Amino acid sequence: MKYGIGYLRVSTREQGRKGVGLAAQRHEIERFASQEGLEVRSWHQDIQTGGGADALLLRPGLAQALKDAKSARCPLIVSKLDRLSRNVHFISGLMEHRVHFMVSALGKDCDEFTLHIYASLAEQERRLISERNKAAAAVMKRAGKKLGIARWSKAKQRRSRPPRPSTVAGGPGLRPQCRAQGQTCRERRHLPGTRTRVAGNAAKESEPANLKCDLEKAS
C-alpha cells in the first residue's frame, strides 16, 4: 500500500467554522486516493489566504505537511492546485525542489507544463477576485453602507476579537516572589529596570525562526 499526506485549506475563518469547504476537499482527496490505490497517512489544514510566496511562514499546516511527506517519502495530495497556493513562484519552487505533490482534480500524471498553466490561472483568478472585492466595497462605501466588522453586531464583534493578553510577565507568575520580598505586584512592576512583556510575545519567540528553509529541506 502506498501512502500520501492530505492537505486542506480555506481562506477565511467563517469558511473554517462552517467546515463545508474543508469537508468537500477531504472527500475529493479520499476519492482520488481510493482510485489510485493510496492511503492518506495524515491530514493537515490551514485557514489562510493562498496568495504570497511566503506560504510556509503563514501556513504552519502546509509546512508540517511538507515535512511529513518528505520523511515518509510520499506525495502531498491536494484537491485543487489553488488549495496549495495561488502564487506561481511558490508552485514553481516546489517543482524546482522536486517536492512530490498530486492534485486530485488534475490526475496523478499531470506534467509540469500543465501545472505551470494552472498555477498562472490561479494567480490571475486571485487578482480578479481582489479587484472585484475592491470595486464592490467602493460602491457600498459610496452608498453609505458599513463595511467589514463595523456591520456586525456588538456581540459578534466581541467574539471575533483575539483574547486579551495577560497583564505583564511579572503579574501572576511573580506573586510568590513579590510576597517573599514584602512587595505588592503593583510595586514590583514599577521598580526601575523591571521590564513588562505581553504574553503573546512568548508565543512568537517559540515559533520556528527559519521556516523558509523547510521548502529546501522538502526537496
N, C-alpha and C. Protein backbone atom coordinates (compact mmCIF):
# COMPACT_ATOMS: atom_id res chain seq x y z
N MET A 1 0.84 -1.20 0.00
CA MET A 1 0.00 0.00 0.00
C MET A 1 0.88 1.25 0.00
N LYS A 2 0.61 2.16 -0.93
CA LYS A 2 1.33 3.42 -0.99
C LYS A 2 0.58 4.46 -0.17
N TYR A 3 1.33 5.44 0.35
CA TYR A 3 0.75 6.43 1.24
C TYR A 3 0.83 7.83 0.64
N GLY A 4 0.04 8.72 1.21
CA GLY A 4 0.06 10.12 0.83
C GLY A 4 -0.29 10.97 2.04
N ILE A 5 0.02 12.26 1.96
CA ILE A 5 -0.30 13.22 3.02
C ILE A 5 -1.36 14.18 2.49
N GLY A 6 -2.48 14.29 3.17
CA GLY A 6 -3.56 15.16 2.72
C GLY A 6 -3.42 16.57 3.27
N TYR A 7 -3.67 17.56 2.41
CA TYR A 7 -3.62 18.96 2.83
C TYR A 7 -4.88 19.69 2.40
N LEU A 8 -5.49 20.44 3.34
CA LEU A 8 -6.72 21.19 3.10
C LEU A 8 -6.49 22.65 3.44
N ARG A 9 -7.19 23.54 2.70
CA ARG A 9 -7.06 24.97 3.01
C ARG A 9 -8.33 25.72 2.62
N VAL A 10 -8.75 26.62 3.49
CA VAL A 10 -9.78 27.60 3.18
C VAL A 10 -9.22 28.97 3.53
N SER A 11 -9.84 30.01 2.98
CA SER A 11 -9.26 31.35 3.10
C SER A 11 -9.71 32.13 4.32
N THR A 12 -10.93 31.90 4.79
CA THR A 12 -11.48 32.74 5.86
C THR A 12 -11.87 31.91 7.08
N ARG A 13 -11.95 32.59 8.24
CA ARG A 13 -12.38 31.92 9.46
C ARG A 13 -13.81 31.43 9.37
N GLU A 14 -14.64 32.20 8.66
CA GLU A 14 -16.04 31.80 8.51
C GLU A 14 -16.13 30.48 7.77
N GLN A 15 -15.34 30.30 6.71
CA GLN A 15 -15.31 29.03 5.99
C GLN A 15 -14.78 27.92 6.89
N GLY A 16 -13.80 28.26 7.72
CA GLY A 16 -13.25 27.26 8.62
C GLY A 16 -14.27 26.81 9.66
N ARG A 17 -15.09 27.76 10.19
CA ARG A 17 -16.10 27.40 11.19
C ARG A 17 -17.19 26.53 10.58
N LYS A 18 -17.61 26.87 9.36
CA LYS A 18 -18.67 26.08 8.71
C LYS A 18 -18.17 24.68 8.35
N GLY A 19 -16.91 24.60 7.92
CA GLY A 19 -16.31 23.30 7.64
C GLY A 19 -16.74 22.66 6.33
N VAL A 20 -17.62 23.33 5.57
CA VAL A 20 -18.13 22.73 4.34
C VAL A 20 -17.01 22.59 3.31
N GLY A 21 -16.24 23.66 3.13
CA GLY A 21 -15.15 23.62 2.16
C GLY A 21 -14.10 22.59 2.51
N LEU A 22 -13.75 22.51 3.78
CA LEU A 22 -12.75 21.52 4.22
C LEU A 22 -13.26 20.10 4.02
N ALA A 23 -14.54 19.88 4.31
CA ALA A 23 -15.11 18.54 4.14
C ALA A 23 -15.15 18.15 2.67
N ALA A 24 -15.48 19.09 1.80
CA ALA A 24 -15.53 18.81 0.36
C ALA A 24 -14.14 18.47 -0.17
N GLN A 25 -13.13 19.21 0.28
CA GLN A 25 -11.76 18.92 -0.15
C GLN A 25 -11.31 17.55 0.33
N ARG A 26 -11.64 17.24 1.56
CA ARG A 26 -11.25 15.93 2.10
C ARG A 26 -11.92 14.80 1.32
N HIS A 27 -13.18 14.99 0.98
CA HIS A 27 -13.90 13.97 0.20
C HIS A 27 -13.23 13.76 -1.15
N GLU A 28 -12.83 14.85 -1.83
CA GLU A 28 -12.19 14.74 -3.13
C GLU A 28 -10.86 14.00 -3.03
N ILE A 29 -10.09 14.32 -1.99
CA ILE A 29 -8.78 13.67 -1.82
C ILE A 29 -8.97 12.18 -1.51
N GLU A 30 -9.92 11.86 -0.66
CA GLU A 30 -10.17 10.46 -0.33
C GLU A 30 -10.62 9.67 -1.56
N ARG A 31 -11.47 10.27 -2.38
CA ARG A 31 -11.93 9.60 -3.61
C ARG A 31 -10.75 9.37 -4.56
N PHE A 32 -9.91 10.40 -4.72
CA PHE A 32 -8.74 10.28 -5.59
C PHE A 32 -7.78 9.21 -5.07
N ALA A 33 -7.52 9.22 -3.76
CA ALA A 33 -6.60 8.23 -3.17
C ALA A 33 -7.12 6.81 -3.36
N SER A 34 -8.43 6.64 -3.21
CA SER A 34 -9.02 5.31 -3.40
C SER A 34 -8.85 4.83 -4.83
N GLN A 35 -9.03 5.72 -5.79
CA GLN A 35 -8.88 5.36 -7.21
C GLN A 35 -7.44 5.01 -7.56
N GLU A 36 -6.50 5.69 -6.94
CA GLU A 36 -5.09 5.48 -7.26
C GLU A 36 -4.41 4.47 -6.34
N GLY A 37 -5.16 3.84 -5.45
CA GLY A 37 -4.58 2.85 -4.56
C GLY A 37 -3.68 3.44 -3.50
N LEU A 38 -4.02 4.65 -3.02
CA LEU A 38 -3.22 5.32 -2.00
C LEU A 38 -4.00 5.38 -0.68
N GLU A 39 -3.27 5.43 0.40
CA GLU A 39 -3.87 5.62 1.72
C GLU A 39 -3.34 6.91 2.33
N VAL A 40 -4.24 7.78 2.75
CA VAL A 40 -3.82 9.05 3.35
C VAL A 40 -3.36 8.79 4.79
N ARG A 41 -2.08 9.01 5.01
CA ARG A 41 -1.49 8.70 6.32
C ARG A 41 -1.86 9.75 7.36
N SER A 42 -1.87 11.03 6.99
CA SER A 42 -2.19 12.10 7.94
C SER A 42 -2.80 13.27 7.18
N TRP A 43 -3.48 14.13 7.96
CA TRP A 43 -4.15 15.29 7.37
C TRP A 43 -3.64 16.57 8.03
N HIS A 44 -3.51 17.61 7.22
CA HIS A 44 -3.12 18.92 7.72
C HIS A 44 -4.00 19.98 7.05
N GLN A 45 -4.23 21.07 7.74
CA GLN A 45 -5.08 22.12 7.18
C GLN A 45 -4.66 23.49 7.68
N ASP A 46 -5.04 24.50 6.91
CA ASP A 46 -4.79 25.89 7.28
C ASP A 46 -6.02 26.71 6.94
N ILE A 47 -6.24 27.78 7.69
CA ILE A 47 -7.25 28.78 7.36
C ILE A 47 -6.49 30.06 7.08
N GLN A 48 -6.15 30.24 5.82
CA GLN A 48 -5.26 31.34 5.43
C GLN A 48 -5.39 31.57 3.93
N THR A 49 -5.11 32.78 3.49
CA THR A 49 -5.15 33.10 2.08
C THR A 49 -4.11 32.30 1.30
N GLY A 50 -4.38 32.08 0.02
CA GLY A 50 -3.46 31.31 -0.81
C GLY A 50 -2.46 32.18 -1.55
N GLY A 51 -2.50 33.50 -1.34
CA GLY A 51 -1.59 34.40 -2.03
C GLY A 51 -0.26 34.51 -1.32
N GLY A 52 0.73 35.06 -2.03
CA GLY A 52 2.04 35.31 -1.44
C GLY A 52 3.00 34.15 -1.63
N ALA A 53 4.28 34.50 -1.75
CA ALA A 53 5.31 33.48 -1.93
C ALA A 53 5.81 32.93 -0.60
N ASP A 54 5.42 33.56 0.53
CA ASP A 54 5.90 33.12 1.84
C ASP A 54 4.87 32.22 2.52
N ALA A 55 4.34 31.25 1.78
CA ALA A 55 3.27 30.40 2.29
C ALA A 55 3.71 29.59 3.51
N LEU A 56 4.98 29.20 3.56
CA LEU A 56 5.44 28.38 4.68
C LEU A 56 5.46 29.17 5.98
N LEU A 57 5.64 30.48 5.89
CA LEU A 57 5.62 31.31 7.09
C LEU A 57 4.20 31.53 7.58
N LEU A 58 3.26 31.66 6.66
CA LEU A 58 1.88 31.97 7.02
C LEU A 58 1.07 30.72 7.33
N ARG A 59 1.49 29.57 6.82
CA ARG A 59 0.68 28.36 6.95
C ARG A 59 1.47 27.23 7.60
N PRO A 60 1.40 27.13 8.92
CA PRO A 60 2.13 26.05 9.61
C PRO A 60 1.65 24.66 9.22
N GLY A 61 0.36 24.54 8.84
CA GLY A 61 -0.16 23.24 8.42
C GLY A 61 0.54 22.75 7.17
N LEU A 62 0.76 23.66 6.22
CA LEU A 62 1.45 23.28 4.98
C LEU A 62 2.91 22.93 5.25
N ALA A 63 3.56 23.71 6.11
CA ALA A 63 4.96 23.42 6.45
C ALA A 63 5.09 22.03 7.06
N GLN A 64 4.17 21.68 7.96
CA GLN A 64 4.22 20.36 8.59
C GLN A 64 3.88 19.26 7.60
N ALA A 65 2.94 19.53 6.69
CA ALA A 65 2.57 18.54 5.67
C ALA A 65 3.76 18.22 4.77
N LEU A 66 4.52 19.24 4.38
CA LEU A 66 5.69 19.02 3.55
C LEU A 66 6.76 18.22 4.30
N LYS A 67 6.92 18.51 5.59
CA LYS A 67 7.88 17.74 6.39
C LYS A 67 7.47 16.27 6.47
N ASP A 68 6.18 16.03 6.72
CA ASP A 68 5.70 14.65 6.82
C ASP A 68 5.85 13.92 5.49
N ALA A 69 5.56 14.60 4.39
CA ALA A 69 5.69 13.98 3.08
C ALA A 69 7.14 13.62 2.78
N LYS A 70 8.05 14.50 3.21
CA LYS A 70 9.47 14.23 2.98
C LYS A 70 9.95 13.05 3.82
N SER A 71 9.58 13.05 5.11
CA SER A 71 10.05 11.98 5.99
C SER A 71 9.46 10.62 5.60
N ALA A 72 8.21 10.62 5.12
CA ALA A 72 7.55 9.36 4.72
C ALA A 72 7.83 9.01 3.27
N ARG A 73 8.51 9.89 2.54
CA ARG A 73 8.81 9.68 1.12
C ARG A 73 7.54 9.37 0.33
N CYS A 74 6.54 10.22 0.53
CA CYS A 74 5.27 10.04 -0.16
C CYS A 74 4.76 11.39 -0.65
N PRO A 75 3.81 11.40 -1.56
CA PRO A 75 3.35 12.67 -2.13
C PRO A 75 2.42 13.44 -1.20
N LEU A 76 2.40 14.75 -1.39
CA LEU A 76 1.42 15.63 -0.76
C LEU A 76 0.24 15.72 -1.71
N ILE A 77 -0.98 15.53 -1.19
CA ILE A 77 -2.17 15.50 -2.05
C ILE A 77 -3.09 16.66 -1.69
N VAL A 78 -3.51 17.41 -2.71
CA VAL A 78 -4.49 18.48 -2.54
C VAL A 78 -5.63 18.26 -3.53
N SER A 79 -6.79 18.83 -3.23
CA SER A 79 -7.93 18.64 -4.12
C SER A 79 -7.79 19.46 -5.39
N LYS A 80 -7.36 20.73 -5.27
CA LYS A 80 -7.13 21.61 -6.40
C LYS A 80 -5.82 22.34 -6.20
N LEU A 81 -5.23 22.78 -7.30
CA LEU A 81 -3.92 23.43 -7.20
C LEU A 81 -3.98 24.71 -6.39
N ASP A 82 -5.10 25.46 -6.48
CA ASP A 82 -5.17 26.72 -5.73
C ASP A 82 -5.29 26.51 -4.24
N ARG A 83 -5.60 25.28 -3.79
CA ARG A 83 -5.58 24.97 -2.35
C ARG A 83 -4.15 24.93 -1.84
N LEU A 84 -3.22 24.58 -2.71
CA LEU A 84 -1.81 24.58 -2.34
C LEU A 84 -1.27 25.99 -2.33
N SER A 85 -1.54 26.73 -3.41
CA SER A 85 -1.14 28.13 -3.47
C SER A 85 -1.74 28.76 -4.72
N ARG A 86 -1.92 30.09 -4.66
CA ARG A 86 -2.31 30.86 -5.84
C ARG A 86 -1.13 31.72 -6.31
N ASN A 87 0.06 31.27 -6.03
CA ASN A 87 1.26 32.01 -6.38
C ASN A 87 2.14 31.14 -7.28
N VAL A 88 2.41 31.63 -8.51
CA VAL A 88 3.19 30.86 -9.48
C VAL A 88 4.59 30.59 -8.96
N HIS A 89 5.19 31.60 -8.32
CA HIS A 89 6.56 31.45 -7.83
C HIS A 89 6.66 30.32 -6.80
N PHE A 90 5.66 30.23 -5.92
CA PHE A 90 5.70 29.18 -4.89
C PHE A 90 5.53 27.80 -5.52
N ILE A 91 4.57 27.66 -6.44
CA ILE A 91 4.37 26.37 -7.11
C ILE A 91 5.61 25.97 -7.89
N SER A 92 6.21 26.94 -8.59
CA SER A 92 7.43 26.66 -9.35
C SER A 92 8.56 26.22 -8.42
N GLY A 93 8.62 26.84 -7.23
CA GLY A 93 9.65 26.46 -6.26
C GLY A 93 9.50 25.03 -5.80
N LEU A 94 8.26 24.60 -5.59
CA LEU A 94 8.03 23.21 -5.19
C LEU A 94 8.51 22.25 -6.28
N MET A 95 8.18 22.59 -7.54
CA MET A 95 8.58 21.71 -8.64
C MET A 95 10.10 21.73 -8.83
N GLU A 96 10.70 22.91 -8.66
CA GLU A 96 12.15 23.03 -8.82
C GLU A 96 12.89 22.21 -7.78
N HIS A 97 12.35 22.17 -6.55
CA HIS A 97 12.98 21.41 -5.47
C HIS A 97 12.50 19.96 -5.43
N ARG A 98 11.78 19.55 -6.48
CA ARG A 98 11.33 18.15 -6.62
C ARG A 98 10.46 17.68 -5.46
N VAL A 99 9.62 18.58 -4.98
CA VAL A 99 8.65 18.18 -3.96
C VAL A 99 7.51 17.45 -4.67
N HIS A 100 7.26 16.25 -4.28
CA HIS A 100 6.25 15.43 -4.94
C HIS A 100 4.87 15.78 -4.40
N PHE A 101 4.03 16.35 -5.25
CA PHE A 101 2.66 16.62 -4.85
C PHE A 101 1.71 16.24 -5.97
N MET A 102 0.49 15.90 -5.58
CA MET A 102 -0.54 15.50 -6.54
C MET A 102 -1.76 16.37 -6.36
N VAL A 103 -2.44 16.64 -7.47
CA VAL A 103 -3.67 17.43 -7.47
C VAL A 103 -4.78 16.51 -7.97
N SER A 104 -5.72 16.21 -7.10
CA SER A 104 -6.75 15.23 -7.46
C SER A 104 -7.56 15.67 -8.68
N ALA A 105 -7.79 16.98 -8.83
CA ALA A 105 -8.58 17.47 -9.96
C ALA A 105 -7.85 17.34 -11.29
N LEU A 106 -6.52 17.24 -11.25
CA LEU A 106 -5.72 17.16 -12.48
C LEU A 106 -5.20 15.76 -12.77
N GLY A 107 -5.35 14.86 -11.83
CA GLY A 107 -4.90 13.49 -12.06
C GLY A 107 -3.48 13.23 -11.58
N LYS A 108 -3.16 11.98 -11.49
CA LYS A 108 -1.88 11.55 -10.93
C LYS A 108 -0.70 11.90 -11.82
N ASP A 109 -0.88 11.86 -13.13
CA ASP A 109 0.23 12.01 -14.07
C ASP A 109 0.26 13.38 -14.75
N CYS A 110 -0.21 14.40 -14.07
CA CYS A 110 -0.19 15.75 -14.63
C CYS A 110 1.26 16.23 -14.76
N ASP A 111 1.63 16.72 -15.95
CA ASP A 111 3.01 17.14 -16.19
C ASP A 111 3.26 18.56 -15.69
N GLU A 112 4.54 18.94 -15.62
CA GLU A 112 4.92 20.23 -15.07
C GLU A 112 4.40 21.40 -15.91
N PHE A 113 4.37 21.24 -17.24
CA PHE A 113 3.89 22.29 -18.11
C PHE A 113 2.44 22.64 -17.78
N THR A 114 1.61 21.61 -17.62
CA THR A 114 0.20 21.82 -17.29
C THR A 114 0.06 22.46 -15.91
N LEU A 115 0.89 22.03 -14.95
CA LEU A 115 0.85 22.61 -13.61
C LEU A 115 1.18 24.11 -13.64
N HIS A 116 2.17 24.49 -14.47
CA HIS A 116 2.52 25.90 -14.60
C HIS A 116 1.34 26.70 -15.14
N ILE A 117 0.65 26.15 -16.13
CA ILE A 117 -0.51 26.86 -16.71
C ILE A 117 -1.60 27.05 -15.66
N TYR A 118 -1.92 26.00 -14.92
CA TYR A 118 -2.97 26.11 -13.91
C TYR A 118 -2.55 27.02 -12.76
N ALA A 119 -1.26 27.03 -12.43
CA ALA A 119 -0.77 27.94 -11.39
C ALA A 119 -0.92 29.39 -11.83
N SER A 120 -0.63 29.67 -13.10
CA SER A 120 -0.80 31.02 -13.62
C SER A 120 -2.27 31.44 -13.61
N LEU A 121 -3.16 30.50 -13.97
CA LEU A 121 -4.59 30.80 -13.94
C LEU A 121 -5.07 31.07 -12.52
N ALA A 122 -4.56 30.30 -11.56
CA ALA A 122 -4.96 30.50 -10.15
C ALA A 122 -4.50 31.86 -9.65
N GLU A 123 -3.28 32.29 -10.04
CA GLU A 123 -2.79 33.59 -9.61
C GLU A 123 -3.60 34.72 -10.24
N GLN A 124 -3.94 34.55 -11.52
CA GLN A 124 -4.76 35.55 -12.18
C GLN A 124 -6.15 35.64 -11.56
N GLU A 125 -6.70 34.49 -11.20
CA GLU A 125 -8.02 34.49 -10.55
C GLU A 125 -7.97 35.22 -9.22
N ARG A 126 -6.87 35.07 -8.48
CA ARG A 126 -6.73 35.79 -7.21
C ARG A 126 -6.73 37.30 -7.44
N ARG A 127 -6.06 37.76 -8.48
CA ARG A 127 -6.05 39.19 -8.79
C ARG A 127 -7.46 39.68 -9.15
N LEU A 128 -8.17 38.88 -9.94
CA LEU A 128 -9.52 39.28 -10.35
C LEU A 128 -10.47 39.33 -9.15
N ILE A 129 -10.33 38.35 -8.26
CA ILE A 129 -11.17 38.34 -7.05
C ILE A 129 -10.91 39.60 -6.22
N SER A 130 -9.63 39.95 -6.08
CA SER A 130 -9.28 41.14 -5.30
C SER A 130 -9.86 42.40 -5.95
N GLU A 131 -9.77 42.50 -7.27
CA GLU A 131 -10.30 43.68 -7.97
C GLU A 131 -11.81 43.77 -7.82
N ARG A 132 -12.50 42.64 -7.92
CA ARG A 132 -13.96 42.65 -7.78
C ARG A 132 -14.37 43.06 -6.37
N ASN A 133 -13.64 42.55 -5.37
CA ASN A 133 -13.97 42.89 -3.98
C ASN A 133 -13.75 44.38 -3.71
N LYS A 134 -12.66 44.93 -4.25
CA LYS A 134 -12.39 46.36 -4.05
C LYS A 134 -13.44 47.22 -4.73
N ALA A 135 -13.85 46.80 -5.94
CA ALA A 135 -14.87 47.57 -6.66
C ALA A 135 -16.20 47.53 -5.92
N ALA A 136 -16.58 46.35 -5.42
CA ALA A 136 -17.84 46.22 -4.68
C ALA A 136 -17.80 47.03 -3.39
N ALA A 137 -16.65 47.02 -2.70
CA ALA A 137 -16.52 47.78 -1.46
C ALA A 137 -16.64 49.28 -1.71
N ALA A 138 -16.08 49.74 -2.84
CA ALA A 138 -16.15 51.16 -3.16
C ALA A 138 -17.60 51.59 -3.43
N VAL A 139 -18.35 50.74 -4.12
CA VAL A 139 -19.76 51.04 -4.39
C VAL A 139 -20.56 51.11 -3.10
N MET A 140 -20.33 50.14 -2.20
CA MET A 140 -21.05 50.12 -0.93
C MET A 140 -20.68 51.32 -0.06
N LYS A 141 -19.40 51.70 -0.10
CA LYS A 141 -18.96 52.84 0.70
C LYS A 141 -19.61 54.14 0.22
N ARG A 142 -19.71 54.29 -1.10
CA ARG A 142 -20.35 55.48 -1.65
C ARG A 142 -21.83 55.53 -1.30
N ALA A 143 -22.42 54.33 -1.15
CA ALA A 143 -23.84 54.26 -0.80
C ALA A 143 -24.07 54.45 0.70
N GLY A 144 -22.99 54.63 1.47
CA GLY A 144 -23.11 54.87 2.90
C GLY A 144 -23.29 53.62 3.74
N LYS A 145 -22.99 52.46 3.17
CA LYS A 145 -23.14 51.21 3.92
C LYS A 145 -21.87 50.90 4.71
N LYS A 146 -22.07 50.25 5.83
CA LYS A 146 -20.93 49.87 6.66
C LYS A 146 -20.23 48.66 6.05
N LEU A 147 -18.92 48.61 6.24
CA LEU A 147 -18.12 47.53 5.68
C LEU A 147 -17.39 46.79 6.79
N GLY A 148 -17.08 45.55 6.51
CA GLY A 148 -16.26 44.75 7.42
C GLY A 148 -16.91 44.52 8.78
N ILE A 149 -16.09 44.61 9.80
CA ILE A 149 -16.54 44.29 11.16
C ILE A 149 -17.54 45.31 11.69
N ALA A 150 -17.56 46.51 11.09
CA ALA A 150 -18.47 47.56 11.56
C ALA A 150 -19.94 47.18 11.36
N ARG A 151 -20.22 46.28 10.41
CA ARG A 151 -21.62 45.91 10.17
C ARG A 151 -22.08 44.75 11.05
N TRP A 152 -21.19 44.20 11.85
CA TRP A 152 -21.56 43.11 12.74
C TRP A 152 -22.23 43.68 14.00
N SER A 153 -22.94 42.80 14.69
CA SER A 153 -23.49 43.18 15.98
C SER A 153 -22.36 43.31 17.00
N LYS A 154 -22.62 44.04 18.08
CA LYS A 154 -21.58 44.24 19.09
C LYS A 154 -21.15 42.91 19.71
N ALA A 155 -22.12 42.00 19.89
CA ALA A 155 -21.79 40.69 20.47
C ALA A 155 -20.84 39.92 19.55
N LYS A 156 -21.11 39.96 18.25
CA LYS A 156 -20.25 39.25 17.29
C LYS A 156 -18.88 39.90 17.22
N GLN A 157 -18.82 41.21 17.34
CA GLN A 157 -17.53 41.91 17.34
C GLN A 157 -16.68 41.48 18.53
N ARG A 158 -17.34 41.35 19.69
CA ARG A 158 -16.60 40.92 20.89
C ARG A 158 -16.07 39.50 20.71
N ARG A 159 -16.88 38.62 20.10
CA ARG A 159 -16.44 37.23 19.90
C ARG A 159 -15.29 37.14 18.92
N SER A 160 -15.25 38.05 17.96
CA SER A 160 -14.22 37.99 16.91
C SER A 160 -12.88 38.55 17.38
N ARG A 161 -12.89 39.32 18.47
CA ARG A 161 -11.63 39.90 18.95
C ARG A 161 -10.73 38.82 19.54
N PRO A 162 -9.41 38.95 19.33
CA PRO A 162 -8.50 37.98 19.95
C PRO A 162 -8.53 38.13 21.46
N PRO A 163 -8.26 37.05 22.19
CA PRO A 163 -8.26 37.14 23.66
C PRO A 163 -7.23 38.13 24.15
N ARG A 164 -7.60 38.87 25.19
CA ARG A 164 -6.69 39.87 25.75
C ARG A 164 -5.50 39.17 26.40
N PRO A 165 -4.29 39.64 26.12
CA PRO A 165 -3.11 39.00 26.73
C PRO A 165 -3.08 39.23 28.23
N SER A 166 -2.32 38.39 28.90
CA SER A 166 -2.12 38.57 30.33
C SER A 166 -1.48 39.92 30.57
N THR A 167 -1.63 40.43 31.74
CA THR A 167 -1.17 41.80 32.04
C THR A 167 0.30 41.98 31.71
N VAL A 168 1.19 41.40 32.49
CA VAL A 168 2.62 41.51 32.24
C VAL A 168 3.28 40.22 32.68
N ALA A 169 4.54 40.07 32.25
CA ALA A 169 5.26 38.86 32.64
C ALA A 169 5.46 38.79 34.14
N GLY A 170 5.45 39.92 34.82
CA GLY A 170 5.66 39.94 36.26
C GLY A 170 4.37 39.92 37.04
N GLY A 171 3.26 39.52 36.39
CA GLY A 171 1.96 39.51 37.06
C GLY A 171 1.77 38.29 37.92
N PRO A 172 0.82 37.38 37.51
CA PRO A 172 0.51 36.23 38.35
C PRO A 172 1.71 35.37 38.65
N GLY A 173 2.64 35.25 37.65
CA GLY A 173 3.77 34.35 37.85
C GLY A 173 4.75 34.81 38.92
N LEU A 174 4.77 36.11 39.26
CA LEU A 174 5.75 36.61 40.22
C LEU A 174 5.14 36.90 41.59
N ARG A 175 3.87 36.55 41.77
CA ARG A 175 3.24 36.86 43.06
C ARG A 175 3.95 36.21 44.25
N PRO A 176 4.33 34.90 44.17
CA PRO A 176 5.06 34.32 45.31
C PRO A 176 6.36 35.07 45.59
N GLN A 177 7.08 35.48 44.54
CA GLN A 177 8.33 36.19 44.72
C GLN A 177 8.07 37.56 45.35
N CYS A 178 6.99 38.22 44.93
CA CYS A 178 6.65 39.52 45.50
C CYS A 178 6.36 39.40 46.99
N ARG A 179 5.58 38.38 47.35
CA ARG A 179 5.23 38.20 48.75
C ARG A 179 6.47 37.96 49.60
N ALA A 180 7.41 37.16 49.01
CA ALA A 180 8.62 36.84 49.77
C ALA A 180 9.44 38.09 50.05
N GLN A 181 9.37 39.07 49.16
CA GLN A 181 10.13 40.29 49.34
C GLN A 181 9.32 41.40 50.00
N GLY A 182 8.09 41.07 50.41
CA GLY A 182 7.26 42.06 51.08
C GLY A 182 6.77 43.14 50.15
N GLN A 183 6.59 42.82 48.87
CA GLN A 183 6.13 43.80 47.90
C GLN A 183 4.81 43.35 47.29
N THR A 184 4.05 44.34 46.86
CA THR A 184 2.88 44.01 46.06
C THR A 184 3.32 43.89 44.61
N CYS A 185 2.52 43.20 43.81
CA CYS A 185 2.87 43.04 42.40
C CYS A 185 2.87 44.39 41.69
N ARG A 186 1.97 45.29 42.12
CA ARG A 186 1.94 46.61 41.51
C ARG A 186 3.27 47.34 41.75
N GLU A 187 3.79 47.24 42.99
CA GLU A 187 5.07 47.88 43.31
C GLU A 187 6.20 47.23 42.52
N ARG A 188 6.13 45.93 42.39
CA ARG A 188 7.17 45.19 41.68
C ARG A 188 7.27 45.63 40.22
N ARG A 189 6.13 45.84 39.60
CA ARG A 189 6.13 46.23 38.19
C ARG A 189 6.73 47.60 37.96
N HIS A 190 6.65 48.46 38.94
CA HIS A 190 7.12 49.83 38.76
C HIS A 190 8.54 50.03 39.26
N LEU A 191 9.22 48.97 39.65
CA LEU A 191 10.62 49.10 40.06
C LEU A 191 11.48 49.44 38.85
N PRO A 192 12.52 50.25 39.01
CA PRO A 192 13.42 50.56 37.90
C PRO A 192 14.04 49.29 37.34
N GLY A 193 14.08 49.19 36.02
CA GLY A 193 14.70 48.03 35.38
C GLY A 193 13.77 46.85 35.21
N THR A 194 12.55 46.94 35.76
CA THR A 194 11.61 45.84 35.60
C THR A 194 10.94 45.98 34.24
N ARG A 195 11.07 44.96 33.40
CA ARG A 195 10.53 45.02 32.05
C ARG A 195 9.20 44.30 32.00
N THR A 196 8.28 44.87 31.27
CA THR A 196 6.99 44.22 31.06
C THR A 196 6.96 43.62 29.68
N ARG A 197 6.25 42.54 29.57
CA ARG A 197 6.17 41.88 28.27
C ARG A 197 4.80 41.24 28.13
N VAL A 198 4.18 41.44 26.96
CA VAL A 198 2.89 40.83 26.70
C VAL A 198 3.09 39.34 26.50
N ALA A 199 2.15 38.56 27.04
CA ALA A 199 2.31 37.11 26.98
C ALA A 199 2.37 36.60 25.57
N GLY A 200 1.73 37.32 24.63
CA GLY A 200 1.71 36.86 23.25
C GLY A 200 3.09 36.82 22.63
N ASN A 201 4.03 37.66 23.14
CA ASN A 201 5.37 37.66 22.58
C ASN A 201 6.08 36.35 22.83
N ALA A 202 5.73 35.70 23.93
CA ALA A 202 6.37 34.43 24.23
C ALA A 202 6.07 33.41 23.15
N ALA A 203 4.84 33.46 22.63
CA ALA A 203 4.47 32.54 21.57
C ALA A 203 5.28 32.82 20.31
N LYS A 204 5.54 34.13 20.04
CA LYS A 204 6.32 34.47 18.87
C LYS A 204 7.74 33.95 18.98
N GLU A 205 8.28 34.02 20.22
CA GLU A 205 9.65 33.57 20.40
C GLU A 205 9.79 32.08 20.17
N SER A 206 8.71 31.34 20.42
CA SER A 206 8.78 29.89 20.29
C SER A 206 8.54 29.42 18.87
N GLU A 207 8.17 30.35 17.95
CA GLU A 207 7.93 29.94 16.58
C GLU A 207 9.25 29.59 15.91
N PRO A 208 9.22 28.67 14.94
CA PRO A 208 10.45 28.36 14.22
C PRO A 208 11.00 29.60 13.54
N ALA A 209 12.29 29.85 13.68
CA ALA A 209 12.88 31.09 13.17
C ALA A 209 13.24 31.00 11.70
N ASN A 210 13.28 29.80 11.16
CA ASN A 210 13.76 29.68 9.78
C ASN A 210 12.89 28.74 8.98
N LEU A 211 11.58 29.04 8.92
CA LEU A 211 10.66 28.15 8.21
C LEU A 211 10.92 28.15 6.72
N LYS A 212 11.54 29.20 6.19
CA LYS A 212 11.75 29.24 4.75
C LYS A 212 12.61 28.09 4.28
N CYS A 213 13.52 27.63 5.12
CA CYS A 213 14.38 26.54 4.70
C CYS A 213 13.64 25.22 4.61
N ASP A 214 12.39 25.16 5.12
CA ASP A 214 11.61 23.92 5.04
C ASP A 214 11.37 23.53 3.59
N LEU A 215 11.23 24.51 2.72
CA LEU A 215 11.00 24.22 1.32
C LEU A 215 12.19 23.53 0.71
N GLU A 216 13.39 24.03 1.09
CA GLU A 216 14.59 23.40 0.57
C GLU A 216 14.80 22.01 1.17
N LYS A 217 14.44 21.84 2.44
CA LYS A 217 14.58 20.53 3.08
C LYS A 217 13.61 19.52 2.47
N ALA A 218 12.49 20.02 1.95
CA ALA A 218 11.50 19.11 1.39
C ALA A 218 11.89 18.58 0.02
N SER A 219 13.02 19.09 -0.53
CA SER A 219 13.44 18.64 -1.86
C SER A 219 14.05 17.25 -1.79
